[in-house]
N, C-alpha and C. Protein backbone atom coordinates (compact mmCIF):
# COMPACT_ATOMS: atom_id res chain seq x y z
N MET A 1 33.41 18.88 102.91
CA MET A 1 33.92 17.78 102.11
C MET A 1 33.52 17.97 100.66
N SER A 2 34.26 17.35 99.78
CA SER A 2 33.97 17.44 98.36
C SER A 2 32.92 16.40 97.99
N TYR A 3 32.21 16.66 96.89
CA TYR A 3 31.24 15.68 96.41
C TYR A 3 31.70 15.07 95.09
N ASN A 4 33.01 15.19 94.82
CA ASN A 4 33.52 14.68 93.55
C ASN A 4 34.74 13.79 93.74
N THR A 5 34.79 13.09 94.89
CA THR A 5 35.89 12.16 95.13
C THR A 5 35.63 10.88 94.35
N TRP A 6 36.62 9.99 94.37
CA TRP A 6 36.45 8.71 93.65
C TRP A 6 35.28 7.90 94.22
N ILE A 7 35.14 7.93 95.53
CA ILE A 7 34.04 7.17 96.15
C ILE A 7 32.70 7.78 95.78
N HIS A 8 32.63 9.12 95.73
CA HIS A 8 31.39 9.78 95.32
C HIS A 8 31.04 9.43 93.86
N LYS A 9 32.05 9.47 93.01
CA LYS A 9 31.81 9.15 91.59
C LYS A 9 31.31 7.72 91.43
N PHE A 10 31.93 6.80 92.17
CA PHE A 10 31.51 5.40 92.11
C PHE A 10 30.09 5.25 92.62
N SER A 11 29.78 5.91 93.75
CA SER A 11 28.45 5.83 94.34
C SER A 11 27.40 6.44 93.42
N ARG A 12 27.78 7.52 92.74
CA ARG A 12 26.86 8.21 91.82
C ARG A 12 26.41 7.27 90.71
N GLN A 13 27.34 6.50 90.18
CA GLN A 13 26.97 5.54 89.13
C GLN A 13 26.07 4.44 89.66
N LEU A 14 26.30 4.04 90.89
CA LEU A 14 25.47 2.98 91.49
C LEU A 14 24.03 3.41 91.69
N VAL A 15 23.83 4.68 92.06
CA VAL A 15 22.47 5.13 92.40
C VAL A 15 21.69 5.66 91.20
N LEU A 16 22.34 5.87 90.08
CA LEU A 16 21.63 6.39 88.90
C LEU A 16 20.38 5.58 88.55
N PRO A 17 20.44 4.24 88.59
CA PRO A 17 19.22 3.47 88.27
C PRO A 17 18.13 3.62 89.33
N LEU A 18 18.45 4.18 90.49
CA LEU A 18 17.48 4.30 91.58
C LEU A 18 16.74 5.63 91.60
N VAL A 19 17.16 6.56 90.73
CA VAL A 19 16.62 7.93 90.78
C VAL A 19 15.10 7.97 90.66
N ASP A 20 14.53 7.22 89.74
CA ASP A 20 13.07 7.26 89.52
C ASP A 20 12.37 6.05 90.11
N THR A 21 12.89 5.53 91.20
CA THR A 21 12.30 4.38 91.87
C THR A 21 11.83 4.80 93.26
N PRO A 22 11.09 3.92 93.95
CA PRO A 22 10.64 4.26 95.31
C PRO A 22 11.76 4.29 96.35
N VAL A 23 12.96 3.87 95.95
CA VAL A 23 14.08 3.87 96.88
C VAL A 23 14.45 5.31 97.23
N THR A 24 14.58 5.58 98.53
CA THR A 24 14.89 6.93 98.99
C THR A 24 16.31 6.98 99.57
N PRO A 25 16.86 8.18 99.71
CA PRO A 25 18.17 8.30 100.37
C PRO A 25 18.16 7.72 101.78
N ASN A 26 17.04 7.83 102.49
CA ASN A 26 16.97 7.30 103.85
C ASN A 26 17.08 5.78 103.86
N HIS A 27 16.62 5.11 102.80
CA HIS A 27 16.79 3.66 102.70
C HIS A 27 18.28 3.32 102.65
N LEU A 28 19.02 4.11 101.87
CA LEU A 28 20.46 3.86 101.75
C LEU A 28 21.18 4.18 103.05
N THR A 29 20.71 5.23 103.74
CA THR A 29 21.30 5.57 105.03
C THR A 29 21.09 4.44 106.04
N THR A 30 19.91 3.83 105.99
CA THR A 30 19.63 2.69 106.87
C THR A 30 20.56 1.53 106.54
N GLY A 31 20.79 1.32 105.24
CA GLY A 31 21.75 0.29 104.84
C GLY A 31 23.14 0.59 105.36
N ARG A 32 23.52 1.85 105.30
CA ARG A 32 24.81 2.28 105.85
C ARG A 32 24.90 1.95 107.34
N LEU A 33 23.82 2.21 108.06
CA LEU A 33 23.79 1.93 109.50
C LEU A 33 23.93 0.44 109.77
N VAL A 34 23.18 -0.36 109.04
CA VAL A 34 23.18 -1.82 109.24
C VAL A 34 24.57 -2.39 108.97
N PHE A 35 25.16 -2.02 107.83
CA PHE A 35 26.47 -2.58 107.47
C PHE A 35 27.60 -2.01 108.34
N GLY A 36 27.46 -0.74 108.76
CA GLY A 36 28.46 -0.15 109.64
C GLY A 36 28.51 -0.82 110.99
N VAL A 37 27.32 -1.05 111.58
CA VAL A 37 27.25 -1.73 112.88
C VAL A 37 27.66 -3.19 112.74
N ALA A 38 27.26 -3.82 111.63
CA ALA A 38 27.66 -5.21 111.38
C ALA A 38 29.18 -5.33 111.31
N ALA A 39 29.83 -4.35 110.69
CA ALA A 39 31.29 -4.35 110.61
C ALA A 39 31.90 -4.29 112.01
N ALA A 40 31.35 -3.43 112.86
CA ALA A 40 31.87 -3.31 114.23
C ALA A 40 31.73 -4.62 114.99
N ILE A 41 30.59 -5.28 114.81
CA ILE A 41 30.36 -6.56 115.48
C ILE A 41 31.36 -7.61 114.99
N CYS A 42 31.58 -7.64 113.69
CA CYS A 42 32.54 -8.59 113.12
C CYS A 42 33.94 -8.35 113.66
N PHE A 43 34.36 -7.08 113.70
CA PHE A 43 35.70 -6.75 114.19
C PHE A 43 35.85 -7.10 115.67
N ALA A 44 34.75 -7.04 116.42
CA ALA A 44 34.80 -7.32 117.86
C ALA A 44 35.22 -8.76 118.15
N PHE A 45 34.99 -9.68 117.21
CA PHE A 45 35.40 -11.07 117.43
C PHE A 45 36.92 -11.22 117.43
N GLY A 46 37.60 -10.35 116.71
CA GLY A 46 39.06 -10.39 116.70
C GLY A 46 39.64 -11.57 115.97
N GLU A 47 38.86 -12.22 115.11
CA GLU A 47 39.34 -13.37 114.33
C GLU A 47 39.44 -12.97 112.87
N GLN A 48 40.44 -13.51 112.18
CA GLN A 48 40.74 -13.05 110.83
C GLN A 48 39.58 -13.23 109.86
N ASN A 49 38.87 -14.36 109.95
CA ASN A 49 37.74 -14.57 109.04
C ASN A 49 36.68 -13.49 109.26
N TRP A 50 36.41 -13.18 110.53
CA TRP A 50 35.44 -12.13 110.84
C TRP A 50 35.97 -10.76 110.42
N ASN A 51 37.28 -10.58 110.50
CA ASN A 51 37.87 -9.31 110.09
C ASN A 51 37.64 -9.05 108.60
N TRP A 52 37.76 -10.09 107.80
CA TRP A 52 37.53 -9.95 106.37
C TRP A 52 36.07 -9.58 106.08
N ILE A 53 35.16 -10.25 106.77
CA ILE A 53 33.74 -9.94 106.60
C ILE A 53 33.45 -8.51 107.06
N GLY A 54 34.05 -8.15 108.21
CA GLY A 54 33.87 -6.80 108.73
C GLY A 54 34.43 -5.75 107.79
N ALA A 55 35.56 -6.04 107.17
CA ALA A 55 36.17 -5.09 106.24
C ALA A 55 35.24 -4.86 105.05
N PHE A 56 34.67 -5.94 104.51
CA PHE A 56 33.73 -5.81 103.40
C PHE A 56 32.52 -4.98 103.82
N CYS A 57 31.98 -5.29 104.99
CA CYS A 57 30.79 -4.57 105.48
C CYS A 57 31.09 -3.09 105.65
N PHE A 58 32.26 -2.77 106.22
CA PHE A 58 32.57 -1.37 106.46
C PHE A 58 32.81 -0.60 105.16
N LEU A 59 33.52 -1.21 104.22
CA LEU A 59 33.75 -0.54 102.94
C LEU A 59 32.44 -0.32 102.20
N PHE A 60 31.54 -1.30 102.27
CA PHE A 60 30.23 -1.14 101.63
C PHE A 60 29.43 -0.05 102.32
N SER A 61 29.55 0.04 103.64
CA SER A 61 28.84 1.10 104.37
C SER A 61 29.38 2.47 103.98
N MET A 62 30.69 2.57 103.70
CA MET A 62 31.26 3.83 103.24
C MET A 62 30.68 4.24 101.90
N VAL A 63 30.51 3.27 101.01
CA VAL A 63 29.91 3.56 99.70
C VAL A 63 28.47 4.04 99.89
N LEU A 64 27.73 3.36 100.76
CA LEU A 64 26.34 3.76 101.01
C LEU A 64 26.27 5.14 101.64
N ASP A 65 27.27 5.48 102.45
CA ASP A 65 27.30 6.79 103.09
C ASP A 65 27.39 7.90 102.05
N ARG A 66 28.12 7.66 100.99
CA ARG A 66 28.18 8.63 99.88
C ARG A 66 26.96 8.51 98.98
N ALA A 67 26.48 7.28 98.83
CA ALA A 67 25.38 7.04 97.89
C ALA A 67 24.09 7.73 98.32
N ASP A 68 23.81 7.79 99.64
CA ASP A 68 22.56 8.43 100.06
C ASP A 68 22.52 9.90 99.66
N GLY A 69 23.64 10.59 99.83
CA GLY A 69 23.70 11.98 99.44
C GLY A 69 23.62 12.17 97.94
N GLU A 70 24.27 11.26 97.20
CA GLU A 70 24.21 11.34 95.74
C GLU A 70 22.78 11.14 95.24
N LEU A 71 22.09 10.17 95.83
CA LEU A 71 20.70 9.93 95.42
C LEU A 71 19.83 11.12 95.78
N ALA A 72 20.06 11.71 96.94
CA ALA A 72 19.28 12.89 97.36
C ALA A 72 19.46 14.03 96.37
N ARG A 73 20.70 14.27 95.94
CA ARG A 73 20.95 15.37 95.02
C ARG A 73 20.42 15.08 93.62
N LEU A 74 20.57 13.85 93.17
CA LEU A 74 20.12 13.50 91.81
C LEU A 74 18.60 13.44 91.69
N SER A 75 17.94 13.00 92.75
CA SER A 75 16.49 12.82 92.69
C SER A 75 15.71 13.99 93.28
N GLY A 76 16.42 14.90 93.94
CA GLY A 76 15.74 16.02 94.58
C GLY A 76 15.03 15.63 95.87
N LYS A 77 15.37 14.45 96.40
CA LYS A 77 14.72 13.96 97.62
C LYS A 77 15.52 14.33 98.86
N THR A 78 15.84 15.60 98.97
CA THR A 78 16.57 16.06 100.15
C THR A 78 15.58 16.45 101.24
N SER A 79 16.00 16.29 102.48
CA SER A 79 15.13 16.66 103.60
C SER A 79 15.99 16.94 104.83
N GLN A 80 15.46 17.74 105.73
CA GLN A 80 16.18 18.04 106.96
C GLN A 80 16.33 16.78 107.81
N PHE A 81 15.26 15.96 107.84
CA PHE A 81 15.33 14.71 108.59
C PHE A 81 16.43 13.82 108.03
N GLY A 82 16.50 13.74 106.69
CA GLY A 82 17.50 12.90 106.05
C GLY A 82 18.91 13.34 106.40
N ALA A 83 19.13 14.66 106.45
CA ALA A 83 20.46 15.18 106.79
C ALA A 83 20.82 14.82 108.23
N ILE A 84 19.85 14.96 109.14
CA ILE A 84 20.10 14.63 110.55
C ILE A 84 20.30 13.13 110.72
N TYR A 85 19.46 12.35 110.03
CA TYR A 85 19.56 10.89 110.10
C TYR A 85 20.92 10.42 109.61
N ASP A 86 21.40 11.02 108.54
CA ASP A 86 22.71 10.68 107.99
C ASP A 86 23.81 11.02 109.00
N LEU A 87 23.68 12.16 109.64
CA LEU A 87 24.68 12.59 110.62
C LEU A 87 24.73 11.66 111.83
N VAL A 88 23.54 11.31 112.35
CA VAL A 88 23.46 10.41 113.50
C VAL A 88 24.01 9.03 113.14
N THR A 89 23.68 8.58 111.94
CA THR A 89 24.16 7.28 111.48
C THR A 89 25.68 7.23 111.39
N ASP A 90 26.27 8.30 110.87
CA ASP A 90 27.73 8.37 110.79
C ASP A 90 28.34 8.29 112.18
N GLY A 91 27.75 9.01 113.13
CA GLY A 91 28.26 8.99 114.49
C GLY A 91 28.20 7.60 115.10
N ILE A 92 27.07 6.91 114.89
CA ILE A 92 26.91 5.55 115.43
C ILE A 92 27.92 4.59 114.80
N CYS A 93 28.05 4.66 113.47
CA CYS A 93 28.95 3.74 112.77
C CYS A 93 30.40 3.97 113.17
N ASN A 94 30.81 5.24 113.25
CA ASN A 94 32.20 5.53 113.60
C ASN A 94 32.52 5.13 115.03
N THR A 95 31.59 5.41 115.94
CA THR A 95 31.83 5.09 117.35
C THR A 95 31.85 3.58 117.58
N THR A 96 30.85 2.88 117.04
CA THR A 96 30.79 1.43 117.24
C THR A 96 31.97 0.72 116.57
N LEU A 97 32.46 1.29 115.46
CA LEU A 97 33.61 0.69 114.78
C LEU A 97 34.80 0.59 115.73
N PHE A 98 35.15 1.69 116.36
CA PHE A 98 36.33 1.68 117.21
C PHE A 98 36.09 0.96 118.54
N ILE A 99 34.85 0.98 119.01
CA ILE A 99 34.53 0.19 120.20
C ILE A 99 34.68 -1.30 119.88
N GLY A 100 34.25 -1.70 118.68
CA GLY A 100 34.41 -3.09 118.25
C GLY A 100 35.87 -3.49 118.20
N ILE A 101 36.70 -2.60 117.68
CA ILE A 101 38.15 -2.87 117.64
C ILE A 101 38.68 -3.02 119.07
N GLY A 102 38.21 -2.14 119.96
CA GLY A 102 38.65 -2.19 121.35
C GLY A 102 38.27 -3.49 122.04
N ILE A 103 37.04 -3.95 121.79
CA ILE A 103 36.58 -5.22 122.38
C ILE A 103 37.47 -6.37 121.94
N ALA A 104 37.87 -6.36 120.68
CA ALA A 104 38.73 -7.44 120.16
C ALA A 104 40.10 -7.44 120.82
N LEU A 105 40.51 -6.29 121.38
CA LEU A 105 41.85 -6.17 121.95
C LEU A 105 41.88 -6.27 123.47
N ILE A 106 40.75 -6.59 124.09
CA ILE A 106 40.67 -6.65 125.56
C ILE A 106 41.68 -7.64 126.14
N ASP A 107 41.85 -8.78 125.47
CA ASP A 107 42.75 -9.82 125.99
C ASP A 107 44.21 -9.55 125.70
N GLY A 108 44.49 -8.42 125.04
CA GLY A 108 45.88 -8.09 124.72
C GLY A 108 46.51 -7.18 125.77
N ALA A 109 47.59 -6.54 125.38
CA ALA A 109 48.35 -5.70 126.30
C ALA A 109 47.55 -4.50 126.80
N LEU A 110 46.60 -4.03 126.01
CA LEU A 110 45.83 -2.84 126.40
C LEU A 110 44.76 -3.14 127.44
N GLY A 111 44.32 -4.40 127.50
CA GLY A 111 43.26 -4.76 128.43
C GLY A 111 42.00 -3.96 128.17
N TYR A 112 41.30 -3.59 129.25
CA TYR A 112 40.05 -2.84 129.09
C TYR A 112 40.28 -1.40 128.65
N TRP A 113 41.52 -0.95 128.69
CA TRP A 113 41.83 0.37 128.15
C TRP A 113 41.55 0.43 126.65
N ALA A 114 41.54 -0.73 126.02
CA ALA A 114 41.25 -0.77 124.58
C ALA A 114 39.85 -0.22 124.30
N ILE A 115 38.89 -0.55 125.16
CA ILE A 115 37.53 -0.04 124.96
C ILE A 115 37.49 1.47 125.19
N VAL A 116 38.22 1.93 126.22
CA VAL A 116 38.28 3.37 126.49
C VAL A 116 38.86 4.10 125.29
N LEU A 117 39.93 3.57 124.73
CA LEU A 117 40.54 4.18 123.54
C LEU A 117 39.56 4.16 122.37
N GLY A 118 38.80 3.07 122.25
CA GLY A 118 37.81 2.97 121.18
C GLY A 118 36.74 4.03 121.31
N VAL A 119 36.26 4.27 122.52
CA VAL A 119 35.24 5.29 122.75
C VAL A 119 35.81 6.67 122.43
N ILE A 120 37.03 6.93 122.88
CA ILE A 120 37.67 8.23 122.61
C ILE A 120 37.78 8.47 121.11
N ALA A 121 38.29 7.48 120.39
CA ALA A 121 38.46 7.61 118.94
C ALA A 121 37.11 7.81 118.25
N GLY A 122 36.11 7.02 118.62
CA GLY A 122 34.81 7.12 117.98
C GLY A 122 34.12 8.44 118.24
N VAL A 123 34.15 8.90 119.49
CA VAL A 123 33.49 10.16 119.85
C VAL A 123 34.15 11.34 119.15
N PHE A 124 35.48 11.40 119.20
CA PHE A 124 36.15 12.54 118.57
C PHE A 124 36.05 12.49 117.05
N LEU A 125 35.98 11.29 116.49
CA LEU A 125 35.77 11.19 115.04
C LEU A 125 34.41 11.74 114.67
N SER A 126 33.41 11.48 115.50
CA SER A 126 32.08 12.02 115.25
C SER A 126 32.07 13.54 115.38
N ILE A 127 32.80 14.06 116.36
CA ILE A 127 32.91 15.51 116.52
C ILE A 127 33.55 16.13 115.28
N ILE A 128 34.58 15.48 114.77
CA ILE A 128 35.25 15.96 113.56
C ILE A 128 34.27 16.00 112.40
N PHE A 129 33.48 14.95 112.26
CA PHE A 129 32.55 14.87 111.13
C PHE A 129 31.50 15.98 111.22
N VAL A 130 30.95 16.21 112.41
CA VAL A 130 29.96 17.27 112.60
C VAL A 130 30.57 18.63 112.27
N ALA A 131 31.80 18.85 112.75
CA ALA A 131 32.48 20.11 112.49
C ALA A 131 32.74 20.30 111.00
N MET A 132 33.06 19.21 110.30
CA MET A 132 33.29 19.29 108.85
C MET A 132 32.02 19.70 108.12
N ILE A 133 30.89 19.18 108.57
CA ILE A 133 29.61 19.55 107.96
C ILE A 133 29.33 21.03 108.19
N GLN A 134 29.63 21.49 109.41
CA GLN A 134 29.44 22.91 109.72
C GLN A 134 30.37 23.78 108.87
N LEU A 135 31.59 23.32 108.67
CA LEU A 135 32.54 24.05 107.82
C LEU A 135 32.05 24.14 106.39
N THR A 136 31.46 23.05 105.90
CA THR A 136 30.92 23.04 104.54
C THR A 136 29.79 24.05 104.43
N ALA A 137 28.94 24.13 105.46
CA ALA A 137 27.84 25.09 105.46
C ALA A 137 28.37 26.52 105.45
N VAL A 138 29.43 26.76 106.23
CA VAL A 138 30.03 28.10 106.28
C VAL A 138 30.66 28.46 104.95
N ALA A 139 31.26 27.46 104.28
CA ALA A 139 31.92 27.70 102.99
C ALA A 139 30.91 28.10 101.92
N GLY A 140 29.66 27.66 102.09
CA GLY A 140 28.62 28.01 101.12
C GLY A 140 28.28 26.87 100.19
N ALA A 141 27.12 26.99 99.57
CA ALA A 141 26.62 25.94 98.67
C ALA A 141 27.61 25.68 97.55
N GLY A 142 27.85 24.40 97.32
CA GLY A 142 28.74 24.01 96.23
C GLY A 142 30.21 24.07 96.57
N SER A 143 30.52 24.52 97.80
CA SER A 143 31.92 24.61 98.22
C SER A 143 32.26 23.47 99.17
N ALA A 144 33.53 23.20 99.31
CA ALA A 144 33.99 22.15 100.21
C ALA A 144 34.71 22.76 101.39
N ALA A 145 34.59 22.12 102.56
CA ALA A 145 35.29 22.60 103.75
C ALA A 145 36.79 22.56 103.49
N TYR A 146 37.25 21.43 102.97
CA TYR A 146 38.65 21.26 102.58
C TYR A 146 38.65 20.57 101.23
N GLU A 147 39.45 21.08 100.31
CA GLU A 147 39.46 20.52 98.97
C GLU A 147 40.01 19.09 98.97
N ALA A 148 39.44 18.29 98.10
CA ALA A 148 39.91 16.92 97.94
C ALA A 148 41.31 16.94 97.32
N PHE A 149 42.10 15.94 97.66
CA PHE A 149 43.45 15.82 97.09
C PHE A 149 43.53 14.52 96.31
N ALA A 150 43.82 14.63 95.03
CA ALA A 150 43.94 13.45 94.15
C ALA A 150 42.68 12.60 94.19
N GLY A 151 41.53 13.27 94.35
CA GLY A 151 40.26 12.55 94.34
C GLY A 151 39.87 11.94 95.67
N PHE A 152 40.54 12.35 96.75
CA PHE A 152 40.23 11.80 98.06
C PHE A 152 39.95 12.92 99.06
N ASP A 153 38.91 12.73 99.86
CA ASP A 153 38.59 13.64 100.96
C ASP A 153 39.35 13.22 102.20
N PRO A 154 39.51 14.11 103.19
CA PRO A 154 40.16 13.70 104.44
C PRO A 154 39.46 12.52 105.11
N ASP A 155 38.11 12.50 105.04
CA ASP A 155 37.41 11.39 105.71
C ASP A 155 37.49 10.09 104.94
N ASP A 156 38.02 10.14 103.70
CA ASP A 156 38.25 8.90 102.95
C ASP A 156 39.36 8.07 103.60
N ALA A 157 40.11 8.69 104.50
CA ALA A 157 41.17 7.97 105.20
C ALA A 157 40.61 6.83 106.03
N MET A 158 39.31 6.86 106.31
CA MET A 158 38.67 5.78 107.06
C MET A 158 38.79 4.44 106.34
N VAL A 159 39.03 4.49 105.04
CA VAL A 159 39.18 3.24 104.28
C VAL A 159 40.42 2.47 104.75
N LEU A 160 41.36 3.17 105.39
CA LEU A 160 42.56 2.52 105.89
C LEU A 160 42.29 1.65 107.11
N VAL A 161 41.20 1.94 107.83
CA VAL A 161 40.90 1.20 109.06
C VAL A 161 40.65 -0.29 108.79
N PRO A 162 39.70 -0.65 107.91
CA PRO A 162 39.51 -2.09 107.67
C PRO A 162 40.73 -2.76 107.05
N ILE A 163 41.46 -2.02 106.23
CA ILE A 163 42.68 -2.59 105.64
C ILE A 163 43.70 -2.89 106.73
N GLY A 164 43.86 -1.94 107.65
CA GLY A 164 44.80 -2.13 108.75
C GLY A 164 44.41 -3.29 109.65
N ILE A 165 43.11 -3.44 109.89
CA ILE A 165 42.64 -4.54 110.74
C ILE A 165 42.95 -5.89 110.10
N VAL A 166 42.67 -6.00 108.82
CA VAL A 166 42.95 -7.26 108.10
C VAL A 166 44.45 -7.57 108.12
N LEU A 167 45.28 -6.52 108.12
CA LEU A 167 46.73 -6.71 108.12
C LEU A 167 47.29 -6.94 109.53
N GLY A 168 46.40 -6.97 110.54
CA GLY A 168 46.83 -7.24 111.90
C GLY A 168 47.36 -6.03 112.65
N LEU A 169 46.95 -4.85 112.25
CA LEU A 169 47.45 -3.62 112.86
C LEU A 169 46.43 -2.95 113.77
N SER A 170 45.47 -3.71 114.26
CA SER A 170 44.36 -3.15 115.04
C SER A 170 44.83 -2.32 116.23
N LYS A 171 45.79 -2.84 117.00
CA LYS A 171 46.25 -2.14 118.20
C LYS A 171 46.84 -0.78 117.85
N TYR A 172 47.65 -0.76 116.81
CA TYR A 172 48.30 0.49 116.41
C TYR A 172 47.29 1.48 115.84
N LEU A 173 46.31 0.97 115.09
CA LEU A 173 45.26 1.82 114.55
C LEU A 173 44.46 2.47 115.68
N LEU A 174 44.14 1.67 116.69
CA LEU A 174 43.34 2.16 117.80
C LEU A 174 44.08 3.23 118.59
N ILE A 175 45.33 2.97 118.89
CA ILE A 175 46.14 3.94 119.64
C ILE A 175 46.31 5.22 118.83
N ALA A 176 46.59 5.07 117.54
CA ALA A 176 46.76 6.24 116.68
C ALA A 176 45.47 7.05 116.59
N ALA A 177 44.34 6.35 116.42
CA ALA A 177 43.05 7.04 116.30
C ALA A 177 42.70 7.79 117.57
N ALA A 178 42.91 7.15 118.72
CA ALA A 178 42.60 7.78 120.01
C ALA A 178 43.53 8.95 120.31
N THR A 179 44.71 8.95 119.71
CA THR A 179 45.67 10.03 119.93
C THR A 179 45.47 11.18 118.95
N VAL A 180 45.22 10.83 117.69
CA VAL A 180 45.15 11.84 116.63
C VAL A 180 43.80 12.56 116.58
N THR A 181 42.70 11.83 116.75
CA THR A 181 41.38 12.45 116.57
C THR A 181 41.11 13.62 117.52
N PRO A 182 41.51 13.56 118.80
CA PRO A 182 41.29 14.74 119.65
C PRO A 182 42.06 15.97 119.15
N VAL A 183 43.29 15.75 118.68
CA VAL A 183 44.11 16.85 118.17
C VAL A 183 43.49 17.44 116.91
N VAL A 184 43.08 16.56 115.99
CA VAL A 184 42.48 17.03 114.74
C VAL A 184 41.17 17.76 115.02
N SER A 185 40.39 17.26 115.97
CA SER A 185 39.11 17.91 116.30
C SER A 185 39.34 19.33 116.80
N ILE A 186 40.39 19.53 117.61
CA ILE A 186 40.71 20.88 118.10
C ILE A 186 41.06 21.80 116.94
N PHE A 187 41.86 21.30 116.01
CA PHE A 187 42.26 22.08 114.84
C PHE A 187 41.04 22.48 114.01
N ILE A 188 40.16 21.51 113.75
CA ILE A 188 39.00 21.78 112.91
C ILE A 188 38.00 22.70 113.60
N LEU A 189 37.78 22.49 114.90
CA LEU A 189 36.86 23.36 115.65
C LEU A 189 37.39 24.80 115.70
N ARG A 190 38.70 24.92 115.82
CA ARG A 190 39.30 26.26 115.81
C ARG A 190 39.13 26.90 114.44
N ASP A 191 39.31 26.12 113.38
CA ASP A 191 39.13 26.63 112.03
C ASP A 191 37.68 27.06 111.82
N LEU A 192 36.74 26.26 112.32
CA LEU A 192 35.33 26.59 112.22
C LEU A 192 35.03 27.90 112.94
N TYR A 193 35.58 28.06 114.14
CA TYR A 193 35.38 29.29 114.91
C TYR A 193 35.91 30.51 114.16
N ASN A 194 37.11 30.38 113.60
CA ASN A 194 37.73 31.50 112.88
C ASN A 194 36.94 31.87 111.63
N ARG A 195 36.45 30.86 110.90
CA ARG A 195 35.69 31.14 109.68
C ARG A 195 34.36 31.82 110.02
N ARG A 196 33.71 31.37 111.07
CA ARG A 196 32.46 32.01 111.47
C ARG A 196 32.71 33.44 111.93
N LYS A 197 33.82 33.65 112.61
CA LYS A 197 34.17 34.99 113.08
C LYS A 197 34.41 35.93 111.90
N GLN A 198 35.05 35.42 110.85
CA GLN A 198 35.28 36.22 109.64
C GLN A 198 33.98 36.60 108.97
N LEU A 199 33.02 35.68 108.96
CA LEU A 199 31.73 35.98 108.36
C LEU A 199 30.97 37.05 109.13
N ASP A 200 31.14 37.04 110.45
CA ASP A 200 30.44 38.01 111.29
C ASP A 200 31.03 39.41 111.17
N ASN A 201 32.33 39.47 110.76
CA ASN A 201 33.00 40.79 110.69
C ASN A 201 32.77 41.48 109.36
C-alpha cells in the first residue's frame, strides 16, 4: 500500500503535534481497535441512528489505522510488536465489522446466512490485508504493493462500507463482500507467490 494517500496525508497532519509526546503508535492502534469494534456493535443494531454512530466510529478508526503508522515513522517509534499489533487489530476490526452487519440482517431474507457471509467477508478481507503487507515487503522499502490511484489505495474502498450502510445497502454490501473478497484474495495471493518466485530466480 502507499503511504501518501489522502487519508495518510490527513492522518499525518493530525499526529504531527504528538511526535514529541508520550503518545505512542500503539496508543493509536488501541484507539483504532476500540472504535472499529464499537462501529461493528453499532451496525449490529440495524437501526439508522446506530448506523450513523457506527459510520462515524468506523471512519475515525480508519484514520487512526493510518495515523499509528504515520506517528511511528515520524517519531521513529517503530517496533515489531507494533507491526503485529496493528495487523491483528486490522483483522479484528474488519472481521467484526462484517459480522456486525450480518447480525443486523438476521431478521431479513438472508436469515442466519447473513452471519456466515459476514464471517466469510471478514476473514478473507483479513487475508487480503496480510497478503498486501507481504507484497509491500517483497516490493522493498519505500515501495507500494500496488500504486495508489488518484490518492486512494485499494483498501481505502472500505470507506464505502459505512456509507453504504447509512444508505440502506447493507444486504448488498454483505453479499458483494462475501463474493468478491475470496476472489480478490486468490488474485493477490497468486501475485505474492509469483513475485516471491521472481526474487528467488
